[in-house]
Amino acid sequence: MASVGLAPIKSLDKYKEVVKGGYELIDTIDKNKMQEIELLKRFISTKEFVVGTAVGILAGLISGYLLHLFIASSTP
């Protein structure tokens, strides 16, 4: 890394070189691996949704049962 001082236009060639390298990196992305990662992300999201829903239903059932016990035991 070098200071360009008062003439930043000198760094333009270096900038173009870096951008070209970035485009070359983007071109080397493995499409099959990206597809596998996307499928894994969808699977994890679906799994989180199903587990969250199941936990929510179970918590609702438990709280309903406990509420029923509380109300039934406090009725004279």
Protein backbone atom coordinates (compact mmCIF):
# COMPACT_ATOMS: atom_id res chain seq x y z
CA MET A 1 0.00 0.00 0.00
CA ALA A 2 1.52 3.30 -1.01
CA SER A 3 0.46 6.85 -0.41
CA VAL A 4 -0.62 8.69 -3.57
CA GLY A 5 -0.34 12.09 -1.95
CA LEU A 6 -1.73 14.97 -3.96
CA ALA A 7 -2.00 12.96 -7.20
CA PRO A 8 -4.60 10.23 -6.56
CA ILE A 9 -5.02 9.69 -10.31
CA LYS A 10 -1.85 7.59 -10.21
CA SER A 11 -3.70 4.91 -8.29
CA LEU A 12 -6.28 4.49 -11.06
CA ASP A 13 -4.30 1.76 -12.83
CA LYS A 14 -3.96 -0.18 -9.59
CA TYR A 15 -7.70 0.21 -8.98
CA LYS A 16 -8.49 -1.16 -12.45
CA GLU A 17 -6.17 -4.10 -11.79
CA VAL A 18 -7.92 -4.89 -8.52
CA VAL A 19 -11.37 -4.65 -10.09
CA LYS A 20 -10.28 -6.97 -12.90
CA GLY A 21 -9.04 -9.45 -10.28
CA GLY A 22 -12.38 -9.21 -8.51
CA TYR A 23 -14.25 -10.05 -11.69
CA GLU A 24 -11.94 -13.02 -12.26
CA LEU A 25 -12.72 -14.24 -8.74
CA ILE A 26 -16.44 -13.94 -9.35
CA ASP A 27 -16.07 -15.99 -12.55
CA THR A 28 -14.39 -18.83 -10.63
CA ILE A 29 -17.38 -19.44 -8.31
CA ASP A 30 -18.41 -23.09 -8.34
CA LYS A 31 -22.07 -23.12 -9.43
CA ASN A 32 -22.69 -26.66 -8.11
CA LYS A 33 -21.37 -25.75 -4.68
CA MET A 34 -23.52 -22.62 -4.62
CA GLN A 35 -26.57 -24.72 -5.45
CA GLU A 36 -25.72 -27.14 -2.61
CA ILE A 37 -25.36 -24.24 -0.19
CA GLU A 38 -28.72 -22.78 -1.26
CA LEU A 39 -30.40 -26.17 -0.76
CA LEU A 40 -28.80 -26.50 2.66
CA LYS A 41 -29.97 -23.01 3.63
CA ARG A 42 -33.54 -23.83 2.57
CA PHE A 43 -33.41 -27.12 4.52
CA ILE A 44 -32.19 -25.37 7.66
CA SER A 45 -34.86 -22.67 7.34
CA THR A 46 -37.60 -25.28 6.90
CA LYS A 47 -36.27 -27.27 9.84
CA GLU A 48 -36.22 -24.16 12.05
CA PHE A 49 -39.81 -23.36 11.06
CA VAL A 50 -41.05 -26.88 11.80
CA VAL A 51 -39.23 -27.09 15.14
CA GLY A 52 -40.43 -23.61 16.14
CA THR A 53 -44.01 -24.46 15.27
CA ALA A 54 -43.84 -27.75 17.18
CA VAL A 55 -42.35 -26.05 20.24
CA GLY A 56 -45.02 -23.34 20.08
CA ILE A 57 -47.84 -25.87 19.90
CA LEU A 58 -46.34 -27.92 22.73
CA ALA A 59 -45.91 -24.82 24.89
CA GLY A 60 -49.52 -23.83 24.20
CA LEU A 61 -50.78 -27.26 25.18
CA ILE A 62 -48.74 -27.28 28.39
CA SER A 63 -49.85 -23.77 29.35
CA GLY A 64 -53.48 -24.65 28.58
CA TYR A 65 -53.23 -27.76 30.75
CA LEU A 66 -51.62 -25.83 33.61
CA LEU A 67 -54.23 -23.08 33.32
CA HIS A 68 -56.97 -25.69 33.40
CA LEU A 69 -55.45 -27.21 36.56
CA PHE A 70 -55.14 -23.80 38.18
CA ILE A 71 -58.70 -22.78 37.35
CA ALA A 72 -60.13 -26.19 38.33
CA SER A 73 -58.31 -26.20 41.67
CA SER A 74 -59.36 -22.64 42.58
CA THR A 75 -63.07 -23.25 41.88
CA PRO A 76 -64.99 -23.98 45.13
